[in-house]
Full PDB file with SEQRES, HELIX, SHEET, SSBOND, CRYST1, ORIGX, SCALE, CONECT and MASTER records, all heavy atoms in Angstrom:
SEQRES   1 A   32  TRP ALA GLN PHE ASN LEU TRP THR LEU GLY TRP LEU CYS          
SEQRES   2 A   32  GLY ILE HIS HIS ARG VAL LYS GLY LEU GLU ASN ILE PRO          
SEQRES   3 A   32  ASP GLY ALA ALA ILE ILE                                      
HELIX    1 AA1 ALA A    2  CYS A   13  1                                  12    
HELIX    2 AA2 LEU A   22  ASN A   24  5                                   3    
CRYST1    1.000    1.000    1.000  90.00  90.00  90.00 P 1           1          
ORIGX1      1.000000  0.000000  0.000000        0.00000                         
ORIGX2      0.000000  1.000000  0.000000        0.00000                         
ORIGX3      0.000000  0.000000  1.000000        0.00000                         
SCALE1      1.000000  0.000000  0.000000        0.00000                         
SCALE2      0.000000  1.000000  0.000000        0.00000                         
SCALE3      0.000000  0.000000  1.000000        0.00000                         
ATOM      1  N   TRP A   1       3.705  -0.932   0.867  1.00  0.00           N  
ATOM      2  CA  TRP A   1       3.916   0.417   1.394  1.00  0.00           C  
ATOM      3  C   TRP A   1       2.602   1.011   1.895  1.00  0.00           C  
ATOM      4  O   TRP A   1       2.552   1.619   2.969  1.00  0.00           O  
ATOM      5  CB  TRP A   1       4.540   1.309   0.315  1.00  0.00           C  
ATOM      6  CG  TRP A   1       4.795   2.695   0.778  1.00  0.00           C  
ATOM      7  CD1 TRP A   1       5.774   3.117   1.624  1.00  0.00           C  
ATOM      8  CD2 TRP A   1       4.056   3.873   0.425  1.00  0.00           C  
ATOM      9  NE1 TRP A   1       5.697   4.476   1.816  1.00  0.00           N  
ATOM     10  CE2 TRP A   1       4.638   4.951   1.089  1.00  0.00           C  
ATOM     11  CE3 TRP A   1       2.957   4.104  -0.392  1.00  0.00           C  
ATOM     12  CZ2 TRP A   1       4.164   6.248   0.974  1.00  0.00           C  
ATOM     13  CZ3 TRP A   1       2.479   5.391  -0.507  1.00  0.00           C  
ATOM     14  CH2 TRP A   1       3.083   6.444   0.171  1.00  0.00           C  
ATOM     15  N   ALA A   2       1.534   0.815   1.120  1.00  0.00           N  
ATOM     16  CA  ALA A   2       0.223   1.316   1.545  1.00  0.00           C  
ATOM     17  C   ALA A   2      -0.224   0.617   2.826  1.00  0.00           C  
ATOM     18  O   ALA A   2      -0.738   1.268   3.749  1.00  0.00           O  
ATOM     19  CB  ALA A   2      -0.803   1.118   0.433  1.00  0.00           C  
ATOM     20  N   GLN A   3      -0.013  -0.689   2.922  1.00  0.00           N  
ATOM     21  CA  GLN A   3      -0.364  -1.424   4.137  1.00  0.00           C  
ATOM     22  C   GLN A   3       0.415  -0.910   5.337  1.00  0.00           C  
ATOM     23  O   GLN A   3      -0.146  -0.742   6.423  1.00  0.00           O  
ATOM     24  CB  GLN A   3      -0.095  -2.917   3.966  1.00  0.00           C  
ATOM     25  CG  GLN A   3      -1.142  -3.629   3.182  1.00  0.00           C  
ATOM     26  CD  GLN A   3      -0.819  -5.093   3.021  1.00  0.00           C  
ATOM     27  OE1 GLN A   3       0.319  -5.469   2.715  1.00  0.00           O  
ATOM     28  NE2 GLN A   3      -1.814  -5.936   3.202  1.00  0.00           N  
ATOM     29  N   PHE A   4       1.703  -0.672   5.144  1.00  0.00           N  
ATOM     30  CA  PHE A   4       2.524  -0.150   6.238  1.00  0.00           C  
ATOM     31  C   PHE A   4       1.992   1.192   6.724  1.00  0.00           C  
ATOM     32  O   PHE A   4       1.853   1.420   7.920  1.00  0.00           O  
ATOM     33  CB  PHE A   4       3.985   0.001   5.782  1.00  0.00           C  
ATOM     34  CG  PHE A   4       4.827   0.787   6.740  1.00  0.00           C  
ATOM     35  CD1 PHE A   4       5.279   0.207   7.913  1.00  0.00           C  
ATOM     36  CD2 PHE A   4       5.155   2.113   6.485  1.00  0.00           C  
ATOM     37  CE1 PHE A   4       6.042   0.934   8.821  1.00  0.00           C  
ATOM     38  CE2 PHE A   4       5.917   2.846   7.376  1.00  0.00           C  
ATOM     39  CZ  PHE A   4       6.370   2.256   8.547  1.00  0.00           C  
ATOM     40  N   ASN A   5       1.683   2.085   5.799  1.00  0.00           N  
ATOM     41  CA  ASN A   5       1.200   3.407   6.184  1.00  0.00           C  
ATOM     42  C   ASN A   5      -0.158   3.347   6.877  1.00  0.00           C  
ATOM     43  O   ASN A   5      -0.391   4.064   7.853  1.00  0.00           O  
ATOM     44  CB  ASN A   5       1.137   4.324   4.967  1.00  0.00           C  
ATOM     45  CG  ASN A   5       2.475   4.905   4.642  1.00  0.00           C  
ATOM     46  OD1 ASN A   5       3.000   5.727   5.368  1.00  0.00           O  
ATOM     47  ND2 ASN A   5       3.067   4.442   3.557  1.00  0.00           N  
ATOM     48  N   LEU A   6      -1.047   2.505   6.401  1.00  0.00           N  
ATOM     49  CA  LEU A   6      -2.360   2.383   7.048  1.00  0.00           C  
ATOM     50  C   LEU A   6      -2.237   1.715   8.412  1.00  0.00           C  
ATOM     51  O   LEU A   6      -2.946   2.085   9.353  1.00  0.00           O  
ATOM     52  CB  LEU A   6      -3.323   1.617   6.147  1.00  0.00           C  
ATOM     53  CG  LEU A   6      -3.739   2.376   4.895  1.00  0.00           C  
ATOM     54  CD1 LEU A   6      -4.551   1.471   3.975  1.00  0.00           C  
ATOM     55  CD2 LEU A   6      -4.526   3.621   5.239  1.00  0.00           C  
ATOM     56  N   TRP A   7      -1.341   0.742   8.530  1.00  0.00           N  
ATOM     57  CA  TRP A   7      -1.131   0.099   9.822  1.00  0.00           C  
ATOM     58  C   TRP A   7      -0.574   1.099  10.841  1.00  0.00           C  
ATOM     59  O   TRP A   7      -1.057   1.176  11.959  1.00  0.00           O  
ATOM     60  CB  TRP A   7      -0.187  -1.091   9.668  1.00  0.00           C  
ATOM     61  CG  TRP A   7       0.109  -1.750  10.980  1.00  0.00           C  
ATOM     62  CD1 TRP A   7      -0.687  -2.630  11.654  1.00  0.00           C  
ATOM     63  CD2 TRP A   7       1.267  -1.543  11.790  1.00  0.00           C  
ATOM     64  NE1 TRP A   7      -0.091  -2.997  12.836  1.00  0.00           N  
ATOM     65  CE2 TRP A   7       1.112  -2.341  12.937  1.00  0.00           C  
ATOM     66  CE3 TRP A   7       2.416  -0.775  11.654  1.00  0.00           C  
ATOM     67  CZ2 TRP A   7       2.070  -2.394  13.944  1.00  0.00           C  
ATOM     68  CZ3 TRP A   7       3.373  -0.822  12.648  1.00  0.00           C  
ATOM     69  CH2 TRP A   7       3.196  -1.617  13.782  1.00  0.00           C  
ATOM     70  N   THR A   8       0.448   1.859  10.443  1.00  0.00           N  
ATOM     71  CA  THR A   8       1.026   2.829  11.379  1.00  0.00           C  
ATOM     72  C   THR A   8       0.034   3.940  11.691  1.00  0.00           C  
ATOM     73  O   THR A   8       0.031   4.467  12.806  1.00  0.00           O  
ATOM     74  CB  THR A   8       2.346   3.436  10.849  1.00  0.00           C  
ATOM     75  OG1 THR A   8       2.130   3.992   9.564  1.00  0.00           O  
ATOM     76  CG2 THR A   8       3.436   2.405  10.779  1.00  0.00           C  
ATOM     77  N   LEU A   9      -0.801   4.296  10.741  1.00  0.00           N  
ATOM     78  CA  LEU A   9      -1.842   5.297  11.007  1.00  0.00           C  
ATOM     79  C   LEU A   9      -2.807   4.801  12.078  1.00  0.00           C  
ATOM     80  O   LEU A   9      -3.202   5.549  12.965  1.00  0.00           O  
ATOM     81  CB  LEU A   9      -2.582   5.620   9.719  1.00  0.00           C  
ATOM     82  CG  LEU A   9      -3.507   6.821   9.719  1.00  0.00           C  
ATOM     83  CD1 LEU A   9      -2.724   8.095  10.014  1.00  0.00           C  
ATOM     84  CD2 LEU A   9      -4.209   6.944   8.387  1.00  0.00           C  
ATOM     85  N   GLY A  10      -3.162   3.529  12.004  1.00  0.00           N  
ATOM     86  CA  GLY A  10      -4.035   2.956  13.026  1.00  0.00           C  
ATOM     87  C   GLY A  10      -3.335   2.806  14.358  1.00  0.00           C  
ATOM     88  O   GLY A  10      -3.899   3.112  15.411  1.00  0.00           O  
ATOM     89  N   TRP A  11      -2.090   2.353  14.324  1.00  0.00           N  
ATOM     90  CA  TRP A  11      -1.355   2.104  15.554  1.00  0.00           C  
ATOM     91  C   TRP A  11      -0.988   3.401  16.274  1.00  0.00           C  
ATOM     92  O   TRP A  11      -1.150   3.512  17.484  1.00  0.00           O  
ATOM     93  CB  TRP A  11      -0.104   1.301  15.219  1.00  0.00           C  
ATOM     94  CG  TRP A  11       0.715   0.916  16.410  1.00  0.00           C  
ATOM     95  CD1 TRP A  11       0.341   0.111  17.439  1.00  0.00           C  
ATOM     96  CD2 TRP A  11       2.043   1.331  16.690  1.00  0.00           C  
ATOM     97  NE1 TRP A  11       1.367  -0.018  18.343  1.00  0.00           N  
ATOM     98  CE2 TRP A  11       2.428   0.735  17.901  1.00  0.00           C  
ATOM     99  CE3 TRP A  11       2.958   2.141  16.032  1.00  0.00           C  
ATOM    100  CZ2 TRP A  11       3.675   0.925  18.467  1.00  0.00           C  
ATOM    101  CZ3 TRP A  11       4.207   2.324  16.597  1.00  0.00           C  
ATOM    102  CH2 TRP A  11       4.550   1.724  17.796  1.00  0.00           C  
ATOM    103  N   LEU A  12      -0.498   4.386  15.540  1.00  0.00           N  
ATOM    104  CA  LEU A  12      -0.057   5.630  16.169  1.00  0.00           C  
ATOM    105  C   LEU A  12      -1.189   6.628  16.392  1.00  0.00           C  
ATOM    106  O   LEU A  12      -1.267   7.253  17.449  1.00  0.00           O  
ATOM    107  CB  LEU A  12       1.028   6.307  15.312  1.00  0.00           C  
ATOM    108  CG  LEU A  12       2.405   5.687  15.346  1.00  0.00           C  
ATOM    109  CD1 LEU A  12       3.306   6.336  14.316  1.00  0.00           C  
ATOM    110  CD2 LEU A  12       3.013   5.812  16.738  1.00  0.00           C  
ATOM    111  N   CYS A  13      -2.045   6.779  15.415  1.00  0.00           N  
ATOM    112  CA  CYS A  13      -3.050   7.845  15.478  1.00  0.00           C  
ATOM    113  C   CYS A  13      -4.454   7.344  15.818  1.00  0.00           C  
ATOM    114  O   CYS A  13      -5.364   8.142  16.003  1.00  0.00           O  
ATOM    115  CB  CYS A  13      -3.086   8.596  14.139  1.00  0.00           C  
ATOM    116  SG  CYS A  13      -1.504   9.352  13.722  1.00  0.00           S  
ATOM    117  N   GLY A  14      -4.626   6.037  15.865  1.00  0.00           N  
ATOM    118  CA  GLY A  14      -5.926   5.491  16.226  1.00  0.00           C  
ATOM    119  C   GLY A  14      -6.973   5.600  15.126  1.00  0.00           C  
ATOM    120  O   GLY A  14      -8.163   5.553  15.402  1.00  0.00           O  
ATOM    121  N   ILE A  15      -6.541   5.751  13.886  1.00  0.00           N  
ATOM    122  CA  ILE A  15      -7.473   5.842  12.765  1.00  0.00           C  
ATOM    123  C   ILE A  15      -7.607   4.450  12.156  1.00  0.00           C  
ATOM    124  O   ILE A  15      -6.678   3.925  11.559  1.00  0.00           O  
ATOM    125  CB  ILE A  15      -6.992   6.859  11.711  1.00  0.00           C  
ATOM    126  CG1 ILE A  15      -6.935   8.244  12.332  1.00  0.00           C  
ATOM    127  CG2 ILE A  15      -7.906   6.845  10.492  1.00  0.00           C  
ATOM    128  CD1 ILE A  15      -6.345   9.298  11.439  1.00  0.00           C  
ATOM    129  N   HIS A  16      -8.789   3.862  12.332  1.00  0.00           N  
ATOM    130  CA  HIS A  16      -9.060   2.519  11.840  1.00  0.00           C  
ATOM    131  C   HIS A  16     -10.187   2.598  10.818  1.00  0.00           C  
ATOM    132  O   HIS A  16     -10.880   3.610  10.719  1.00  0.00           O  
ATOM    133  CB  HIS A  16      -9.440   1.593  12.988  1.00  0.00           C  
ATOM    134  CG  HIS A  16      -8.383   1.509  14.043  1.00  0.00           C  
ATOM    135  ND1 HIS A  16      -7.233   0.762  13.893  1.00  0.00           N  
ATOM    136  CD2 HIS A  16      -8.278   2.109  15.247  1.00  0.00           C  
ATOM    137  CE1 HIS A  16      -6.487   0.886  14.967  1.00  0.00           C  
ATOM    138  NE2 HIS A  16      -7.100   1.709  15.804  1.00  0.00           N  
ATOM    139  N   HIS A  17     -10.374   1.534  10.090  1.00  0.00           N  
ATOM    140  CA  HIS A  17     -11.406   1.530   9.065  1.00  0.00           C  
ATOM    141  C   HIS A  17     -12.190   0.229   9.098  1.00  0.00           C  
ATOM    142  O   HIS A  17     -11.727  -0.779   9.621  1.00  0.00           O  
ATOM    143  CB  HIS A  17     -10.797   1.732   7.672  1.00  0.00           C  
ATOM    144  CG  HIS A  17      -9.838   0.658   7.292  1.00  0.00           C  
ATOM    145  ND1 HIS A  17      -8.514   0.679   7.673  1.00  0.00           N  
ATOM    146  CD2 HIS A  17     -10.004  -0.477   6.593  1.00  0.00           C  
ATOM    147  CE1 HIS A  17      -7.914  -0.386   7.204  1.00  0.00           C  
ATOM    148  NE2 HIS A  17      -8.799  -1.117   6.542  1.00  0.00           N  
ATOM    149  N   ARG A  18     -13.388   0.304   8.554  1.00  0.00           N  
ATOM    150  CA  ARG A  18     -14.240  -0.862   8.379  1.00  0.00           C  
ATOM    151  C   ARG A  18     -14.873  -0.730   7.003  1.00  0.00           C  
ATOM    152  O   ARG A  18     -15.357   0.341   6.636  1.00  0.00           O  
ATOM    153  CB  ARG A  18     -15.316  -0.889   9.455  1.00  0.00           C  
ATOM    154  CG  ARG A  18     -16.236  -2.067   9.343  1.00  0.00           C  
ATOM    155  CD  ARG A  18     -17.250  -2.054  10.424  1.00  0.00           C  
ATOM    156  NE  ARG A  18     -17.843  -0.715  10.473  1.00  0.00           N  
ATOM    157  CZ  ARG A  18     -18.851  -0.378  11.243  1.00  0.00           C  
ATOM    158  NH1 ARG A  18     -19.372  -1.269  12.048  1.00  0.00           N  
ATOM    159  NH2 ARG A  18     -19.340   0.837  11.241  1.00  0.00           N  
ATOM    160  N   VAL A  19     -14.848  -1.792   6.245  1.00  0.00           N  
ATOM    161  CA  VAL A  19     -15.361  -1.756   4.883  1.00  0.00           C  
ATOM    162  C   VAL A  19     -16.673  -2.526   4.824  1.00  0.00           C  
ATOM    163  O   VAL A  19     -16.752  -3.660   5.291  1.00  0.00           O  
ATOM    164  CB  VAL A  19     -14.350  -2.365   3.886  1.00  0.00           C  
ATOM    165  CG1 VAL A  19     -14.902  -2.346   2.485  1.00  0.00           C  
ATOM    166  CG2 VAL A  19     -13.032  -1.614   3.958  1.00  0.00           C  
ATOM    167  N   LYS A  20     -17.669  -1.896   4.256  1.00  0.00           N  
ATOM    168  CA  LYS A  20     -18.953  -2.553   4.018  1.00  0.00           C  
ATOM    169  C   LYS A  20     -19.178  -2.602   2.520  1.00  0.00           C  
ATOM    170  O   LYS A  20     -18.843  -1.661   1.804  1.00  0.00           O  
ATOM    171  CB  LYS A  20     -20.095  -1.754   4.649  1.00  0.00           C  
ATOM    172  CG  LYS A  20     -20.079  -1.730   6.148  1.00  0.00           C  
ATOM    173  CD  LYS A  20     -21.282  -0.954   6.651  1.00  0.00           C  
ATOM    174  CE  LYS A  20     -21.300  -0.878   8.152  1.00  0.00           C  
ATOM    175  NZ  LYS A  20     -22.475  -0.130   8.635  1.00  0.00           N  
ATOM    176  N   GLY A  21     -19.747  -3.690   2.042  1.00  0.00           N  
ATOM    177  CA  GLY A  21     -20.119  -3.775   0.637  1.00  0.00           C  
ATOM    178  C   GLY A  21     -19.046  -4.295  -0.290  1.00  0.00           C  
ATOM    179  O   GLY A  21     -19.106  -4.043  -1.493  1.00  0.00           O  
ATOM    180  N   LEU A  22     -18.047  -5.010   0.227  1.00  0.00           N  
ATOM    181  CA  LEU A  22     -17.001  -5.557  -0.647  1.00  0.00           C  
ATOM    182  C   LEU A  22     -17.576  -6.497  -1.706  1.00  0.00           C  
ATOM    183  O   LEU A  22     -17.004  -6.644  -2.780  1.00  0.00           O  
ATOM    184  CB  LEU A  22     -15.952  -6.309   0.174  1.00  0.00           C  
ATOM    185  CG  LEU A  22     -14.921  -5.467   0.902  1.00  0.00           C  
ATOM    186  CD1 LEU A  22     -13.991  -6.352   1.729  1.00  0.00           C  
ATOM    187  CD2 LEU A  22     -14.113  -4.636  -0.073  1.00  0.00           C  
ATOM    188  N   GLU A  23     -18.728  -7.089  -1.411  1.00  0.00           N  
ATOM    189  CA  GLU A  23     -19.341  -7.997  -2.381  1.00  0.00           C  
ATOM    190  C   GLU A  23     -19.848  -7.260  -3.615  1.00  0.00           C  
ATOM    191  O   GLU A  23     -20.121  -7.863  -4.649  1.00  0.00           O  
ATOM    192  CB  GLU A  23     -20.495  -8.784  -1.738  1.00  0.00           C  
ATOM    193  CG  GLU A  23     -21.673  -7.942  -1.322  1.00  0.00           C  
ATOM    194  CD  GLU A  23     -21.527  -7.254   0.046  1.00  0.00           C  
ATOM    195  OE1 GLU A  23     -20.502  -7.410   0.715  1.00  0.00           O  
ATOM    196  OE2 GLU A  23     -22.472  -6.541   0.425  1.00  0.00           O  
ATOM    197  N   ASN A  24     -19.950  -5.946  -3.558  1.00  0.00           N  
ATOM    198  CA  ASN A  24     -20.423  -5.147  -4.682  1.00  0.00           C  
ATOM    199  C   ASN A  24     -19.309  -4.726  -5.643  1.00  0.00           C  
ATOM    200  O   ASN A  24     -19.588  -4.144  -6.684  1.00  0.00           O  
ATOM    201  CB  ASN A  24     -21.150  -3.897  -4.178  1.00  0.00           C  
ATOM    202  CG  ASN A  24     -22.371  -4.262  -3.369  1.00  0.00           C  
ATOM    203  OD1 ASN A  24     -23.119  -5.155  -3.729  1.00  0.00           O  
ATOM    204  ND2 ASN A  24     -22.562  -3.584  -2.260  1.00  0.00           N  
ATOM    205  N   ILE A  25     -18.082  -5.015  -5.293  1.00  0.00           N  
ATOM    206  CA  ILE A  25     -16.959  -4.655  -6.162  1.00  0.00           C  
ATOM    207  C   ILE A  25     -16.893  -5.664  -7.302  1.00  0.00           C  
ATOM    208  O   ILE A  25     -16.834  -6.872  -7.058  1.00  0.00           O  
ATOM    209  CB  ILE A  25     -15.636  -4.627  -5.383  1.00  0.00           C  
ATOM    210  CG1 ILE A  25     -15.691  -3.548  -4.307  1.00  0.00           C  
ATOM    211  CG2 ILE A  25     -14.463  -4.394  -6.320  1.00  0.00           C  
ATOM    212  CD1 ILE A  25     -14.500  -3.530  -3.391  1.00  0.00           C  
ATOM    213  N   PRO A  26     -16.907  -5.202  -8.549  1.00  0.00           N  
ATOM    214  CA  PRO A  26     -16.869  -6.139  -9.672  1.00  0.00           C  
ATOM    215  C   PRO A  26     -15.524  -6.879  -9.755  1.00  0.00           C  
ATOM    216  O   PRO A  26     -14.492  -6.365  -9.328  1.00  0.00           O  
ATOM    217  CB  PRO A  26     -17.076  -5.245 -10.898  1.00  0.00           C  
ATOM    218  CG  PRO A  26     -16.752  -3.869 -10.451  1.00  0.00           C  
ATOM    219  CD  PRO A  26     -16.984  -3.814  -8.978  1.00  0.00           C  
ATOM    220  N   ASP A  27     -15.577  -8.085 -10.317  1.00  0.00           N  
ATOM    221  CA  ASP A  27     -14.358  -8.889 -10.452  1.00  0.00           C  
ATOM    222  C   ASP A  27     -13.442  -8.368 -11.553  1.00  0.00           C  
ATOM    223  O   ASP A  27     -12.243  -8.483 -11.471  1.00  0.00           O  
ATOM    224  CB  ASP A  27     -14.712 -10.350 -10.750  1.00  0.00           C  
ATOM    225  CG  ASP A  27     -15.369 -11.014  -9.554  1.00  0.00           C  
ATOM    226  OD1 ASP A  27     -15.073 -10.619  -8.420  1.00  0.00           O  
ATOM    227  OD2 ASP A  27     -16.180 -11.934  -9.777  1.00  0.00           O  
ATOM    228  N   GLY A  28     -14.019  -7.795 -12.592  1.00  0.00           N  
ATOM    229  CA  GLY A  28     -13.232  -7.329 -13.724  1.00  0.00           C  
ATOM    230  C   GLY A  28     -12.855  -5.866 -13.596  1.00  0.00           C  
ATOM    231  O   GLY A  28     -12.904  -5.265 -12.525  1.00  0.00           O  
ATOM    232  N   ALA A  29     -12.496  -5.314 -14.740  1.00  0.00           N  
ATOM    233  CA  ALA A  29     -12.095  -3.908 -14.788  1.00  0.00           C  
ATOM    234  C   ALA A  29     -13.283  -3.005 -14.463  1.00  0.00           C  
ATOM    235  O   ALA A  29     -14.431  -3.314 -14.779  1.00  0.00           O  
ATOM    236  CB  ALA A  29     -11.562  -3.573 -16.165  1.00  0.00           C  
ATOM    237  N   ALA A  30     -13.005  -1.894 -13.814  1.00  0.00           N  
ATOM    238  CA  ALA A  30     -14.050  -0.950 -13.436  1.00  0.00           C  
ATOM    239  C   ALA A  30     -13.447   0.436 -13.280  1.00  0.00           C  
ATOM    240  O   ALA A  30     -12.240   0.586 -13.119  1.00  0.00           O  
ATOM    241  CB  ALA A  30     -14.710  -1.380 -12.125  1.00  0.00           C  
ATOM    242  N   ILE A  31     -14.298   1.419 -13.327  1.00  0.00           N  
ATOM    243  CA  ILE A  31     -13.891   2.798 -13.050  1.00  0.00           C  
ATOM    244  C   ILE A  31     -14.449   3.170 -11.690  1.00  0.00           C  
ATOM    245  O   ILE A  31     -15.655   3.081 -11.450  1.00  0.00           O  
ATOM    246  CB  ILE A  31     -14.407   3.766 -14.132  1.00  0.00           C  
ATOM    247  CG1 ILE A  31     -13.778   3.421 -15.480  1.00  0.00           C  
ATOM    248  CG2 ILE A  31     -14.111   5.206 -13.740  1.00  0.00           C  
ATOM    249  CD1 ILE A  31     -14.319   4.226 -16.633  1.00  0.00           C  
ATOM    250  N   ILE A  32     -13.572   3.581 -10.803  1.00  0.00           N  
ATOM    251  CA  ILE A  32     -13.964   3.964  -9.450  1.00  0.00           C  
ATOM    252  C   ILE A  32     -13.849   5.477  -9.363  1.00  0.00           C  
ATOM    253  O   ILE A  32     -12.787   6.038  -9.616  1.00  0.00           O  
ATOM    254  CB  ILE A  32     -13.043   3.316  -8.387  1.00  0.00           C  
ATOM    255  CG1 ILE A  32     -12.909   1.815  -8.610  1.00  0.00           C  
ATOM    256  CG2 ILE A  32     -13.500   3.657  -6.994  1.00  0.00           C  
ATOM    257  CD1 ILE A  32     -14.201   1.050  -8.550  1.00  0.00           C  
TER     258      ILE A  32                                                      
MASTER        0    0    0    2    0    0    0    6  257    1    0    3          
END                                                                             
């Protein structure tokens, strides 16, 4: 559902994203 909403947001409204720093996300549990 989240993917669908983000895809339609990009397709209809032109809002796209780029993620930097994914390598910094820990593999285990974390508080964001």
